PDB file of N, CA and C in Angstrom:
ATOM      1  N   UNK A   1     -17.302 -31.439  57.783  1.00  0.00           N
ATOM      2  CA  UNK A   1     -17.418 -32.317  57.514  1.00  0.00           C
ATOM      3  C   UNK A   1     -16.368 -33.819  57.681  1.00  0.00           C
ATOM      4  N   UNK A   2     -16.760 -34.064  58.691  1.00  0.00           N
ATOM      5  CA  UNK A   2     -15.158 -35.757  58.697  1.00  0.00           C
ATOM      6  C   UNK A   2     -16.092 -36.835  57.650  1.00  0.00           C
ATOM      7  N   UNK A   3     -14.903 -37.089  57.117  1.00  0.00           N
ATOM      8  CA  UNK A   3     -14.992 -37.808  56.084  1.00  0.00           C
ATOM      9  C   UNK A   3     -14.394 -39.539  56.830  1.00  0.00           C
ATOM     10  N   UNK A   4     -16.154 -39.642  57.279  1.00  0.00           N
ATOM     11  CA  UNK A   4     -15.441 -40.916  58.130  1.00  0.00           C
ATOM     12  C   UNK A   4     -15.634 -42.680  57.402  1.00  0.00           C
ATOM     13  N   UNK A   5     -15.248 -42.468  56.128  1.00  0.00           N
ATOM     14  CA  UNK A   5     -15.658 -43.259  55.088  1.00  0.00           C
ATOM     15  C   UNK A   5     -13.670 -43.518  55.431  1.00  0.00           C
ATOM     16  N   UNK A   6     -13.384 -42.950  55.008  1.00  0.00           N
ATOM     17  CA  UNK A   6     -11.789 -42.285  54.852  1.00  0.00           C
ATOM     18  C   UNK A   6     -10.993 -42.898  56.588  1.00  0.00           C
ATOM     19  N   UNK A   7     -11.377 -41.853  57.027  1.00  0.00           N
ATOM     20  CA  UNK A   7     -11.015 -42.618  58.451  1.00  0.00           C
ATOM     21  C   UNK A   7     -11.175 -44.168  58.821  1.00  0.00           C
ATOM     22  N   UNK A   8     -12.511 -44.480  58.362  1.00  0.00           N
ATOM     23  CA  UNK A   8     -12.478 -46.128  58.411  1.00  0.00           C
ATOM     24  C   UNK A   8     -11.077 -47.098  57.705  1.00  0.00           C
ATOM     25  N   UNK A   9     -11.231 -46.096  56.187  1.00  0.00           N
ATOM     26  CA  UNK A   9      -9.999 -46.508  55.226  1.00  0.00           C
ATOM     27  C   UNK A   9     -11.596 -47.800  54.764  1.00  0.00           C
ATOM     28  N   UNK A  10     -12.470 -47.548  54.310  1.00  0.00           N
ATOM     29  CA  UNK A  10     -13.462 -48.198  53.825  1.00  0.00           C
ATOM     30  C   UNK A  10     -14.000 -46.944  52.253  1.00  0.00           C
ATOM     31  N   UNK A  11     -14.318 -48.078  50.967  1.00  0.00           N
ATOM     32  CA  UNK A  11     -14.841 -47.228  50.494  1.00  0.00           C
ATOM     33  C   UNK A  11     -16.737 -47.084  50.364  1.00  0.00           C
ATOM     34  N   UNK A  12     -17.322 -45.401  50.402  1.00  0.00           N
ATOM     35  CA  UNK A  12     -18.798 -44.978  50.355  1.00  0.00           C
ATOM     36  C   UNK A  12     -19.834 -46.293  50.262  1.00  0.00           C
ATOM     37  N   UNK A  13     -19.154 -47.565  49.383  1.00  0.00           N
ATOM     38  CA  UNK A  13     -20.101 -47.909  48.999  1.00  0.00           C
ATOM     39  C   UNK A  13     -19.829 -49.284  49.760  1.00  0.00           C
ATOM     40  N   UNK A  14     -19.462 -49.594  51.044  1.00  0.00           N
ATOM     41  CA  UNK A  14     -19.480 -50.131  51.921  1.00  0.00           C
ATOM     42  C   UNK A  14     -20.732 -50.798  52.752  1.00  0.00           C
ATOM     43  N   UNK A  15     -20.899 -51.972  52.964  1.00  0.00           N
ATOM     44  CA  UNK A  15     -22.260 -51.952  53.684  1.00  0.00           C
ATOM     45  C   UNK A  15     -22.144 -51.956  54.770  1.00  0.00           C
ATOM     46  N   UNK A  16     -23.895 -52.076  55.249  1.00  0.00           N
ATOM     47  CA  UNK A  16     -23.274 -51.415  56.917  1.00  0.00           C
ATOM     48  C   UNK A  16     -22.383 -52.511  58.059  1.00  0.00           C
ATOM     49  N   UNK A  17     -22.586 -53.769  57.557  1.00  0.00           N
ATOM     50  CA  UNK A  17     -21.552 -54.709  58.118  1.00  0.00           C
ATOM     51  C   UNK A  17     -20.099 -54.116  58.286  1.00  0.00           C
ATOM     52  N   UNK A  18     -20.418 -53.866  56.901  1.00  0.00           N
ATOM     53  CA  UNK A  18     -18.117 -53.956  56.775  1.00  0.00           C
ATOM     54  C   UNK A  18     -18.160 -52.405  57.735  1.00  0.00           C
ATOM     55  N   UNK A  19     -18.959 -51.699  57.579  1.00  0.00           N
ATOM     56  CA  UNK A  19     -18.950 -50.287  58.686  1.00  0.00           C
ATOM     57  C   UNK A  19     -18.688 -50.841  60.061  1.00  0.00           C
ATOM     58  N   UNK A  20     -19.695 -51.551  60.718  1.00  0.00           N
ATOM     59  CA  UNK A  20     -19.715 -52.075  61.442  1.00  0.00           C
ATOM     60  C   UNK A  20     -18.419 -52.329  62.459  1.00  0.00           C
ATOM     61  N   UNK A  21     -17.991 -53.408  61.007  1.00  0.00           N
ATOM     62  CA  UNK A  21     -16.958 -54.423  61.524  1.00  0.00           C
ATOM     63  C   UNK A  21     -15.565 -53.258  61.727  1.00  0.00           C
ATOM     64  N   UNK A  22     -15.507 -52.438  60.889  1.00  0.00           N
ATOM     65  CA  UNK A  22     -14.094 -51.451  60.724  1.00  0.00           C
ATOM     66  C   UNK A  22     -14.654 -50.800  62.164  1.00  0.00           C
ATOM     67  N   UNK A  23     -15.774 -50.390  62.757  1.00  0.00           N
ATOM     68  CA  UNK A  23     -16.278 -49.583  63.483  1.00  0.00           C
ATOM     69  C   UNK A  23     -15.565 -50.399  64.822  1.00  0.00           C
ATOM     70  N   UNK A  24     -15.807 -51.774  65.402  1.00  0.00           N
ATOM     71  CA  UNK A  24     -15.463 -52.388  66.322  1.00  0.00           C
ATOM     72  C   UNK A  24     -14.085 -52.044  66.499  1.00  0.00           C
ATOM     73  N   UNK A  25     -12.978 -51.515  65.866  1.00  0.00           N
ATOM     74  CA  UNK A  25     -11.664 -51.358  65.650  1.00  0.00           C
ATOM     75  C   UNK A  25     -10.978 -49.742  66.651  1.00  0.00           C
ATOM     76  N   UNK A  26     -12.550 -49.317  66.523  1.00  0.00           N
ATOM     77  CA  UNK A  26     -12.459 -47.292  66.596  1.00  0.00           C
ATOM     78  C   UNK A  26     -12.196 -47.369  68.223  1.00  0.00           C
ATOM     79  N   UNK A  27     -11.554 -46.453  68.969  1.00  0.00           N
ATOM     80  CA  UNK A  27     -12.235 -46.297  70.431  1.00  0.00           C
ATOM     81  C   UNK A  27     -13.013 -45.996  70.329  1.00  0.00           C
ATOM     82  N   UNK A  28     -13.814 -46.551  71.831  1.00  0.00           N
ATOM     83  CA  UNK A  28     -15.010 -46.034  72.109  1.00  0.00           C
ATOM     84  C   UNK A  28     -14.951 -44.619  72.789  1.00  0.00           C
ATOM     85  N   UNK A  29     -14.317 -43.473  72.760  1.00  0.00           N
ATOM     86  CA  UNK A  29     -13.697 -42.227  72.822  1.00  0.00           C
ATOM     87  C   UNK A  29     -13.979 -41.778  71.722  1.00  0.00           C
ATOM     88  N   UNK A  30     -13.735 -42.181  70.674  1.00  0.00           N
ATOM     89  CA  UNK A  30     -14.178 -41.355  69.370  1.00  0.00           C
ATOM     90  C   UNK A  30     -15.798 -41.325  69.372  1.00  0.00           C
ATOM     91  N   UNK A  31     -16.816 -40.331  70.075  1.00  0.00           N
ATOM     92  CA  UNK A  31     -18.016 -40.697  70.042  1.00  0.00           C
ATOM     93  C   UNK A  31     -18.942 -40.057  68.834  1.00  0.00           C
ATOM     94  N   UNK A  32     -17.992 -39.717  68.149  1.00  0.00           N
ATOM     95  CA  UNK A  32     -19.038 -39.256  66.672  1.00  0.00           C
ATOM     96  C   UNK A  32     -19.082 -39.627  65.924  1.00  0.00           C
ATOM     97  N   UNK A  33     -17.897 -40.568  65.390  1.00  0.00           N
ATOM     98  CA  UNK A  33     -17.819 -41.329  64.615  1.00  0.00           C
ATOM     99  C   UNK A  33     -19.204 -42.745  64.899  1.00  0.00           C
ATOM    100  N   UNK A  34     -19.107 -43.229  66.316  1.00  0.00           N
ATOM    101  CA  UNK A  34     -19.736 -44.270  66.693  1.00  0.00           C
ATOM    102  C   UNK A  34     -21.353 -43.853  66.648  1.00  0.00           C
ATOM    103  N   UNK A  35     -21.161 -42.234  66.826  1.00  0.00           N
ATOM    104  CA  UNK A  35     -22.762 -41.842  66.866  1.00  0.00           C
ATOM    105  C   UNK A  35     -23.297 -41.975  65.747  1.00  0.00           C
ATOM    106  N   UNK A  36     -22.296 -41.333  64.626  1.00  0.00           N
ATOM    107  CA  UNK A  36     -23.754 -41.403  63.040  1.00  0.00           C
ATOM    108  C   UNK A  36     -23.158 -42.861  62.853  1.00  0.00           C
ATOM    109  N   UNK A  37     -22.224 -43.781  62.239  1.00  0.00           N
ATOM    110  CA  UNK A  37     -21.990 -44.971  62.189  1.00  0.00           C
ATOM    111  C   UNK A  37     -22.532 -45.897  62.668  1.00  0.00           C
ATOM    112  N   UNK A  38     -23.141 -45.858  63.900  1.00  0.00           N
ATOM    113  CA  UNK A  38     -23.184 -47.226  64.450  1.00  0.00           C
ATOM    114  C   UNK A  38     -25.425 -47.665  64.018  1.00  0.00           C
ATOM    115  N   UNK A  39     -25.989 -46.448  63.697  1.00  0.00           N
ATOM    116  CA  UNK A  39     -27.089 -46.304  63.857  1.00  0.00           C
ATOM    117  C   UNK A  39     -27.322 -46.548  62.323  1.00  0.00           C
ATOM    118  N   UNK A  40     -28.268 -47.090  62.271  1.00  0.00           N
ATOM    119  CA  UNK A  40     -28.825 -47.417  60.689  1.00  0.00           C
ATOM    120  C   UNK A  40     -29.580 -45.887  60.138  1.00  0.00           C
ATOM    121  N   UNK A  41     -30.287 -45.631  60.551  1.00  0.00           N
ATOM    122  CA  UNK A  41     -31.189 -44.478  60.194  1.00  0.00           C
ATOM    123  C   UNK A  41     -29.945 -43.304  59.931  1.00  0.00           C
ATOM    124  N   UNK A  42     -29.007 -42.825  61.228  1.00  0.00           N
ATOM    125  CA  UNK A  42     -27.541 -42.101  60.828  1.00  0.00           C
ATOM    126  C   UNK A  42     -27.286 -42.368  59.436  1.00  0.00           C
ATOM    127  N   UNK A  43     -26.674 -43.883  59.566  1.00  0.00           N
ATOM    128  CA  UNK A  43     -25.894 -43.976  58.360  1.00  0.00           C
ATOM    129  C   UNK A  43     -25.972 -43.996  57.083  1.00  0.00           C
ATOM    130  N   UNK A  44     -27.722 -43.911  57.342  1.00  0.00           N
ATOM    131  CA  UNK A  44     -28.030 -43.405  55.610  1.00  0.00           C
ATOM    132  C   UNK A  44     -27.820 -42.233  55.469  1.00  0.00           C
ATOM    133  N   UNK A  45     -28.355 -41.142  56.612  1.00  0.00           N
ATOM    134  CA  UNK A  45     -28.489 -40.241  56.096  1.00  0.00           C
ATOM    135  C   UNK A  45     -27.196 -39.130  55.539  1.00  0.00           C
ATOM    136  N   UNK A  46     -25.992 -40.362  56.422  1.00  0.00           N
ATOM    137  CA  UNK A  46     -24.585 -39.688  56.514  1.00  0.00           C
ATOM    138  C   UNK A  46     -23.983 -39.938  55.031  1.00  0.00           C
ATOM    139  N   UNK A  47     -24.326 -41.218  54.608  1.00  0.00           N
ATOM    140  CA  UNK A  47     -24.363 -41.935  53.493  1.00  0.00           C
ATOM    141  C   UNK A  47     -24.434 -40.915  52.221  1.00  0.00           C
ATOM    142  N   UNK A  48     -25.891 -40.820  52.177  1.00  0.00           N
ATOM    143  CA  UNK A  48     -26.354 -39.202  51.093  1.00  0.00           C
ATOM    144  C   UNK A  48     -25.290 -38.289  51.232  1.00  0.00           C
ATOM    145  N   UNK A  49     -25.398 -37.291  52.478  1.00  0.00           N
ATOM    146  CA  UNK A  49     -24.797 -36.299  53.036  1.00  0.00           C
ATOM    147  C   UNK A  49     -23.225 -36.352  52.025  1.00  0.00           C
ATOM    148  N   UNK A  50     -22.663 -37.622  52.099  1.00  0.00           N
ATOM    149  CA  UNK A  50     -21.629 -37.722  51.962  1.00  0.00           C
ATOM    150  C   UNK A  50     -21.517 -37.562  50.122  1.00  0.00           C
ATOM    151  N   UNK A  51     -22.272 -38.505  49.704  1.00  0.00           N
ATOM    152  CA  UNK A  51     -22.023 -38.306  48.602  1.00  0.00           C
ATOM    153  C   UNK A  51     -22.252 -37.138  47.995  1.00  0.00           C
ATOM    154  N   UNK A  52     -23.222 -35.943  48.501  1.00  0.00           N
ATOM    155  CA  UNK A  52     -23.217 -34.714  48.505  1.00  0.00           C
ATOM    156  C   UNK A  52     -22.133 -33.557  48.264  1.00  0.00           C
ATOM    157  N   UNK A  53     -21.219 -34.242  49.148  1.00  0.00           N
ATOM    158  CA  UNK A  53     -19.830 -33.498  49.923  1.00  0.00           C
ATOM    159  C   UNK A  53     -19.414 -33.951  48.632  1.00  0.00           C
ATOM    160  N   UNK A  54     -18.877 -35.384  48.064  1.00  0.00           N
ATOM    161  CA  UNK A  54     -17.842 -35.682  47.183  1.00  0.00           C
ATOM    162  C   UNK A  54     -18.490 -35.514  45.702  1.00  0.00           C
ATOM    163  N   UNK A  55     -19.626 -34.869  45.241  1.00  0.00           N
ATOM    164  CA  UNK A  55     -19.591 -34.256  44.230  1.00  0.00           C
ATOM    165  C   UNK A  55     -19.634 -32.688  44.398  1.00  0.00           C
ATOM    166  N   UNK A  56     -19.341 -32.609  45.222  1.00  0.00           N
ATOM    167  CA  UNK A  56     -19.432 -31.166  45.665  1.00  0.00           C
ATOM    168  C   UNK A  56     -17.559 -30.818  45.514  1.00  0.00           C
ATOM    169  N   UNK A  57     -16.596 -31.944  45.716  1.00  0.00           N
ATOM    170  CA  UNK A  57     -15.593 -31.306  45.875  1.00  0.00           C
ATOM    171  C   UNK A  57     -15.067 -31.583  44.250  1.00  0.00           C
ATOM    172  N   UNK A  58     -15.604 -32.329  43.728  1.00  0.00           N
ATOM    173  CA  UNK A  58     -15.291 -33.057  42.466  1.00  0.00           C
ATOM    174  C   UNK A  58     -15.711 -31.430  41.887  1.00  0.00           C
ATOM    175  N   UNK A  59     -16.636 -30.809  41.886  1.00  0.00           N
ATOM    176  CA  UNK A  59     -16.910 -29.713  40.942  1.00  0.00           C
ATOM    177  C   UNK A  59     -16.140 -28.671  41.359  1.00  0.00           C
ATOM    178  N   UNK A  60     -15.226 -28.476  42.826  1.00  0.00           N
ATOM    179  CA  UNK A  60     -14.618 -27.538  43.394  1.00  0.00           C
ATOM    180  C   UNK A  60     -13.606 -27.658  42.678  1.00  0.00           C
ATOM    181  N   UNK A  61     -12.487 -28.998  42.467  1.00  0.00           N
ATOM    182  CA  UNK A  61     -11.614 -29.397  41.785  1.00  0.00           C
ATOM    183  C   UNK A  61     -11.692 -28.839  40.842  1.00  0.00           C
ATOM    184  N   UNK A  62     -12.554 -28.968  40.373  1.00  0.00           N
ATOM    185  CA  UNK A  62     -12.283 -28.670  38.534  1.00  0.00           C
ATOM    186  C   UNK A  62     -12.566 -27.064  37.846  1.00  0.00           C
ATOM    187  N   UNK A  63     -12.820 -26.156  39.373  1.00  0.00           N
ATOM    188  CA  UNK A  63     -12.629 -25.015  38.969  1.00  0.00           C
ATOM    189  C   UNK A  63     -11.186 -24.592  39.148  1.00  0.00           C
ATOM    190  N   UNK A  64     -10.971 -23.117  37.613  1.00  0.00           N
ATOM    191  CA  UNK A  64      -9.992 -22.903  37.631  1.00  0.00           C
ATOM    192  C   UNK A  64      -9.508 -22.009  39.176  1.00  0.00           C
ATOM    193  N   UNK A  65      -7.818 -21.856  39.041  1.00  0.00           N
ATOM    194  CA  UNK A  65      -7.459 -21.640  40.617  1.00  0.00           C
ATOM    195  C   UNK A  65      -7.253 -20.125  40.223  1.00  0.00           C
ATOM    196  N   UNK A  66      -7.590 -19.604  39.611  1.00  0.00           N
ATOM    197  CA  UNK A  66      -7.984 -18.151  39.756  1.00  0.00           C
ATOM    198  C   UNK A  66      -9.510 -17.585  40.799  1.00  0.00           C
ATOM    199  N   UNK A  67     -10.748 -19.136  40.547  1.00  0.00           N
ATOM    200  CA  UNK A  67     -11.949 -18.615  41.396  1.00  0.00           C
ATOM    201  C   UNK A  67     -11.751 -18.807  42.563  1.00  0.00           C
ATOM    202  N   UNK A  68     -10.199 -19.064  43.251  1.00  0.00           N
ATOM    203  CA  UNK A  68     -10.140 -19.744  44.518  1.00  0.00           C
ATOM    204  C   UNK A  68     -10.454 -18.278  45.408  1.00  0.00           C
ATOM    205  N   UNK A  69     -10.156 -16.658  44.558  1.00  0.00           N
ATOM    206  CA  UNK A  69     -11.052 -15.595  45.303  1.00  0.00           C
ATOM    207  C   UNK A  69     -12.539 -15.311  45.710  1.00  0.00           C
ATOM    208  N   UNK A  70     -13.496 -16.351  44.409  1.00  0.00           N
ATOM    209  CA  UNK A  70     -14.446 -15.888  44.485  1.00  0.00           C
ATOM    210  C   UNK A  70     -14.784 -16.664  45.363  1.00  0.00           C
ATOM    211  N   UNK A  71     -14.315 -17.990  46.211  1.00  0.00           N
ATOM    212  CA  UNK A  71     -14.597 -19.221  47.186  1.00  0.00           C
ATOM    213  C   UNK A  71     -15.205 -18.713  48.226  1.00  0.00           C
ATOM    214  N   UNK A  72     -16.362 -17.448  48.420  1.00  0.00           N
ATOM    215  CA  UNK A  72     -16.524 -17.073  49.740  1.00  0.00           C
ATOM    216  C   UNK A  72     -17.029 -17.650  50.820  1.00  0.00           C
ATOM    217  N   UNK A  73     -17.752 -18.736  49.850  1.00  0.00           N
ATOM    218  CA  UNK A  73     -17.928 -19.969  51.284  1.00  0.00           C
ATOM    219  C   UNK A  73     -17.185 -21.134  51.946  1.00  0.00           C
ATOM    220  N   UNK A  74     -16.099 -20.904  51.068  1.00  0.00           N
ATOM    221  CA  UNK A  74     -14.622 -21.561  51.744  1.00  0.00           C
ATOM    222  C   UNK A  74     -15.090 -23.229  50.904  1.00  0.00           C
ATOM    223  N   UNK A  75     -15.639 -23.290  50.174  1.00  0.00           N
ATOM    224  CA  UNK A  75     -16.187 -25.299  50.059  1.00  0.00           C
ATOM    225  C   UNK A  75     -14.554 -25.738  49.912  1.00  0.00           C
ATOM    226  N   UNK A  76     -13.768 -25.006  49.396  1.00  0.00           N
ATOM    227  CA  UNK A  76     -12.041 -25.536  49.511  1.00  0.00           C
ATOM    228  C   UNK A  76     -11.647 -26.498  50.682  1.00  0.00           C
ATOM    229  N   UNK A  77     -12.053 -25.236  51.342  1.00  0.00           N
ATOM    230  CA  UNK A  77     -11.721 -25.623  53.039  1.00  0.00           C
ATOM    231  C   UNK A  77     -12.338 -26.702  53.363  1.00  0.00           C
ATOM    232  N   UNK A  78     -14.034 -26.335  53.186  1.00  0.00           N
ATOM    233  CA  UNK A  78     -14.880 -27.096  54.029  1.00  0.00           C
ATOM    234  C   UNK A  78     -15.045 -28.675  53.603  1.00  0.00           C
ATOM    235  N   UNK A  79     -14.417 -29.121  52.318  1.00  0.00           N
ATOM    236  CA  UNK A  79     -14.522 -30.196  51.265  1.00  0.00           C
ATOM    237  C   UNK A  79     -13.098 -31.054  51.268  1.00  0.00           C
ATOM    238  N   UNK A  80     -12.318 -30.472  52.174  1.00  0.00           N
ATOM    239  CA  UNK A  80     -10.658 -31.154  51.944  1.00  0.00           C
ATOM    240  C   UNK A  80     -10.420 -32.409  52.644  1.00  0.00           C
ATOM    241  N   UNK A  81     -11.284 -32.724  52.905  1.00  0.00           N
ATOM    242  CA  UNK A  81     -11.013 -34.218  53.818  1.00  0.00           C
ATOM    243  C   UNK A  81     -11.861 -34.975  52.467  1.00  0.00           C
ATOM    244  N   UNK A  82     -12.397 -34.402  51.442  1.00  0.00           N
ATOM    245  CA  UNK A  82     -13.194 -35.266  50.464  1.00  0.00           C
ATOM    246  C   UNK A  82     -12.277 -35.214  49.068  1.00  0.00           C
ATOM    247  N   UNK A  83     -11.112 -35.048  49.331  1.00  0.00           N
ATOM    248  CA  UNK A  83      -9.906 -34.165  47.891  1.00  0.00           C
ATOM    249  C   UNK A  83      -9.946 -35.496  47.212  1.00  0.00           C
ATOM    250  N   UNK A  84     -10.749 -35.279  45.897  1.00  0.00           N
ATOM    251  CA  UNK A  84     -10.887 -36.015  44.540  1.00  0.00           C
ATOM    252  C   UNK A  84      -9.985 -36.341  43.533  1.00  0.00           C
ATOM    253  N   UNK A  85      -9.044 -34.984  43.367  1.00  0.00           N
ATOM    254  CA  UNK A  85      -8.379 -34.879  42.453  1.00  0.00           C
ATOM    255  C   UNK A  85      -6.789 -35.295  42.829  1.00  0.00           C
TER     256      UNK A  85
END
């Protein structure tokens, strides 16, 4: 999943108006971010998934380095945009 808040240089706690203002500076050909972040319902769902990804990134970052061998689902790679450490 892409971290659109990071892309927009906004904290995840930003309100919808702040997101829409930042989104107005993004070129129209970047369809994914416009499709997700310009609609209230999809933005609400995105915020929830973003929170879950952030929580998972914290958990993955707290694991011991030797646990990388057991990372069969490749969570470290999937969550690289949510790097919290």
